[in-house]
């Protein structure tokens, strides 16, 4: 992991990179300990809108990794930010998706 010493920021995908299903990737806890120790700022991202950042944070905690929901960006949040930025307040939006997408 010494090759990461010069990295200033990281954007990390979650599904299939940090874990597969409910199984963490090998040395996941060690990797996050390294990031926190340096410290290397990071954000975790996923295009999967089925869970909120809080739910994703809880899932990682169950794998022994402490990540704040504020360090996680899910696709639904990006869509919500886009809509808030480009459409006037009060614009009607019909959401077809999981509750986490509606919540975003």
C-alpha atoms as a PDB file:
ATOM      1  CA  UNK A   1       0.000   0.000   0.000  1.00  0.00           C
ATOM      2  CA  UNK A   2       3.016   2.314  -0.017  1.00  0.00           C
ATOM      3  CA  UNK A   3       2.223   3.140  -3.651  1.00  0.00           C
ATOM      4  CA  UNK A   4      -0.839   5.004  -2.329  1.00  0.00           C
ATOM      5  CA  UNK A   5       1.293   7.408  -0.296  1.00  0.00           C
ATOM      6  CA  UNK A   6       1.203  10.158  -2.958  1.00  0.00           C
ATOM      7  CA  UNK A   7      -2.548   9.990  -3.535  1.00  0.00           C
ATOM      8  CA  UNK A   8      -4.372  13.104  -2.346  1.00  0.00           C
ATOM      9  CA  UNK A   9      -7.999  11.995  -2.779  1.00  0.00           C
ATOM     10  CA  UNK A  10      -9.787   8.752  -3.667  1.00  0.00           C
ATOM     11  CA  UNK A  11     -13.137   7.996  -5.262  1.00  0.00           C
ATOM     12  CA  UNK A  12     -13.959   4.347  -4.607  1.00  0.00           C
ATOM     13  CA  UNK A  13     -16.776   2.291  -6.096  1.00  0.00           C
ATOM     14  CA  UNK A  14     -18.515   0.066  -3.576  1.00  0.00           C
ATOM     15  CA  UNK A  15     -20.314  -2.921  -5.123  1.00  0.00           C
ATOM     16  CA  UNK A  16     -17.810  -5.460  -6.378  1.00  0.00           C
ATOM     17  CA  UNK A  17     -14.847  -3.333  -5.270  1.00  0.00           C
ATOM     18  CA  UNK A  18     -15.159  -3.111  -1.474  1.00  0.00           C
ATOM     19  CA  UNK A  19     -17.406  -6.140  -1.146  1.00  0.00           C
ATOM     20  CA  UNK A  20     -19.263  -8.777  -3.134  1.00  0.00           C
ATOM     21  CA  UNK A  21     -22.686  -9.475  -1.731  1.00  0.00           C
ATOM     22  CA  UNK A  22     -22.197  -9.599   2.024  1.00  0.00           C
ATOM     23  CA  UNK A  23     -18.524 -10.549   1.820  1.00  0.00           C
ATOM     24  CA  UNK A  24     -15.864  -7.862   2.262  1.00  0.00           C
ATOM     25  CA  UNK A  25     -12.889  -7.954  -0.062  1.00  0.00           C
ATOM     26  CA  UNK A  26      -9.670  -9.253   1.498  1.00  0.00           C
ATOM     27  CA  UNK A  27      -7.871  -6.740   3.745  1.00  0.00           C
ATOM     28  CA  UNK A  28     -10.766  -4.265   3.604  1.00  0.00           C
ATOM     29  CA  UNK A  29     -10.368  -3.237   7.245  1.00  0.00           C
ATOM     30  CA  UNK A  30      -6.626  -2.821   6.804  1.00  0.00           C
ATOM     31  CA  UNK A  31      -7.151  -0.683   3.694  1.00  0.00           C
ATOM     32  CA  UNK A  32      -9.476   1.731   5.500  1.00  0.00           C
ATOM     33  CA  UNK A  33      -7.152   1.861   8.499  1.00  0.00           C
ATOM     34  CA  UNK A  34      -4.399   2.914   6.085  1.00  0.00           C
ATOM     35  CA  UNK A  35      -6.583   5.646   4.576  1.00  0.00           C
ATOM     36  CA  UNK A  36      -7.496   7.013   8.000  1.00  0.00           C
ATOM     37  CA  UNK A  37      -3.917   6.843   9.244  1.00  0.00           C
ATOM     38  CA  UNK A  38      -2.386   8.854   6.375  1.00  0.00           C
ATOM     39  CA  UNK A  39      -5.033  10.573   6.165  1.00  0.00           C
ATOM     40  CA  UNK A  40      -6.273  10.170   2.595  1.00  0.00           C
ATOM     41  CA  UNK A  41      -9.660  11.840   1.972  1.00  0.00           C
ATOM     42  CA  UNK A  42     -12.094   9.621   0.100  1.00  0.00           C
ATOM     43  CA  UNK A  43     -15.664   9.287  -1.043  1.00  0.00           C
ATOM     44  CA  UNK A  44     -17.414   5.994  -1.699  1.00  0.00           C
ATOM     45  CA  UNK A  45     -19.771   5.910  -4.682  1.00  0.00           C
ATOM     46  CA  UNK A  46     -22.296   3.505  -6.109  1.00  0.00           C
ATOM     47  CA  UNK A  47     -24.787   3.588  -8.944  1.00  0.00           C
ATOM     48  CA  UNK A  48     -27.000   1.242  -6.929  1.00  0.00           C
ATOM     49  CA  UNK A  49     -29.918   3.285  -5.550  1.00  0.00           C
ATOM     50  CA  UNK A  50     -31.494   0.536  -3.424  1.00  0.00           C
ATOM     51  CA  UNK A  51     -29.956   1.737  -0.126  1.00  0.00           C
ATOM     52  CA  UNK A  52     -29.352   5.110   1.499  1.00  0.00           C
ATOM     53  CA  UNK A  53     -25.875   6.266   2.538  1.00  0.00           C
ATOM     54  CA  UNK A  54     -26.834   5.493   6.157  1.00  0.00           C
ATOM     55  CA  UNK A  55     -27.778   1.923   5.197  1.00  0.00           C
ATOM     56  CA  UNK A  56     -24.524   1.570   3.235  1.00  0.00           C
ATOM     57  CA  UNK A  57     -22.586   2.871   6.239  1.00  0.00           C
ATOM     58  CA  UNK A  58     -24.274   0.320   8.491  1.00  0.00           C
ATOM     59  CA  UNK A  59     -23.446  -2.454   6.025  1.00  0.00           C
ATOM     60  CA  UNK A  60     -19.771  -1.487   6.063  1.00  0.00           C
ATOM     61  CA  UNK A  61     -19.827  -1.279   9.873  1.00  0.00           C
ATOM     62  CA  UNK A  62     -21.026  -4.896   9.926  1.00  0.00           C
ATOM     63  CA  UNK A  63     -17.855  -5.686   7.945  1.00  0.00           C
ATOM     64  CA  UNK A  64     -15.708  -3.892  10.509  1.00  0.00           C
ATOM     65  CA  UNK A  65     -15.254  -0.657   8.549  1.00  0.00           C
ATOM     66  CA  UNK A  66     -16.309   2.697  10.023  1.00  0.00           C
ATOM     67  CA  UNK A  67     -17.468   5.032   7.249  1.00  0.00           C
ATOM     68  CA  UNK A  68     -19.768   7.988   7.799  1.00  0.00           C
ATOM     69  CA  UNK A  69     -22.868   8.349   5.595  1.00  0.00           C
ATOM     70  CA  UNK A  70     -21.414  11.739   4.585  1.00  0.00           C
ATOM     71  CA  UNK A  71     -18.513   9.860   2.942  1.00  0.00           C
ATOM     72  CA  UNK A  72     -20.905   7.912   0.695  1.00  0.00           C
ATOM     73  CA  UNK A  73     -22.554   9.162  -2.499  1.00  0.00           C
ATOM     74  CA  UNK A  74     -25.301   7.071  -4.075  1.00  0.00           C
ATOM     75  CA  UNK A  75     -26.777   7.596  -7.534  1.00  0.00           C
ATOM     76  CA  UNK A  76     -30.072   8.861  -6.126  1.00  0.00           C
ATOM     77  CA  UNK A  77     -28.278  11.733  -4.393  1.00  0.00           C
ATOM     78  CA  UNK A  78     -26.629  12.778  -7.650  1.00  0.00           C
ATOM     79  CA  UNK A  79     -29.999  12.762  -9.420  1.00  0.00           C
ATOM     80  CA  UNK A  80     -31.590  14.785  -6.599  1.00  0.00           C
ATOM     81  CA  UNK A  81     -28.789  17.366  -6.741  1.00  0.00           C
ATOM     82  CA  UNK A  82     -29.176  17.657 -10.501  1.00  0.00           C
ATOM     83  CA  UNK A  83     -32.934  18.175 -10.203  1.00  0.00           C
ATOM     84  CA  UNK A  84     -32.546  20.800  -7.460  1.00  0.00           C
ATOM     85  CA  UNK A  85     -29.949  22.651  -9.501  1.00  0.00           C
ATOM     86  CA  UNK A  86     -31.642  22.572 -12.905  1.00  0.00           C
ATOM     87  CA  UNK A  87     -35.361  22.712 -12.109  1.00  0.00           C
ATOM     88  CA  UNK A  88     -37.314  25.337 -10.179  1.00  0.00           C
ATOM     89  CA  UNK A  89     -38.615  24.550  -6.699  1.00  0.00           C
ATOM     90  CA  UNK A  90     -42.073  23.023  -6.900  1.00  0.00           C
ATOM     91  CA  UNK A  91     -41.408  21.138 -10.146  1.00  0.00           C
ATOM     92  CA  UNK A  92     -43.304  17.859 -10.022  1.00  0.00           C
ATOM     93  CA  UNK A  93     -41.105  14.770 -10.203  1.00  0.00           C
ATOM     94  CA  UNK A  94     -42.401  11.221 -10.524  1.00  0.00           C
ATOM     95  CA  UNK A  95     -39.997   8.730  -8.976  1.00  0.00           C
ATOM     96  CA  UNK A  96     -40.115   5.070  -9.918  1.00  0.00           C
ATOM     97  CA  UNK A  97     -37.674   3.181  -7.751  1.00  0.00           C
ATOM     98  CA  UNK A  98     -36.742   1.922  -4.341  1.00  0.00           C
ATOM     99  CA  UNK A  99     -37.552   3.924  -1.165  1.00  0.00           C
ATOM    100  CA  UNK A 100     -33.893   4.995  -0.953  1.00  0.00           C
ATOM    101  CA  UNK A 101     -34.251   6.726  -4.324  1.00  0.00           C
ATOM    102  CA  UNK A 102     -37.424   8.492  -3.202  1.00  0.00           C
ATOM    103  CA  UNK A 103     -35.691   9.574   0.013  1.00  0.00           C
ATOM    104  CA  UNK A 104     -32.771  11.119  -1.911  1.00  0.00           C
END
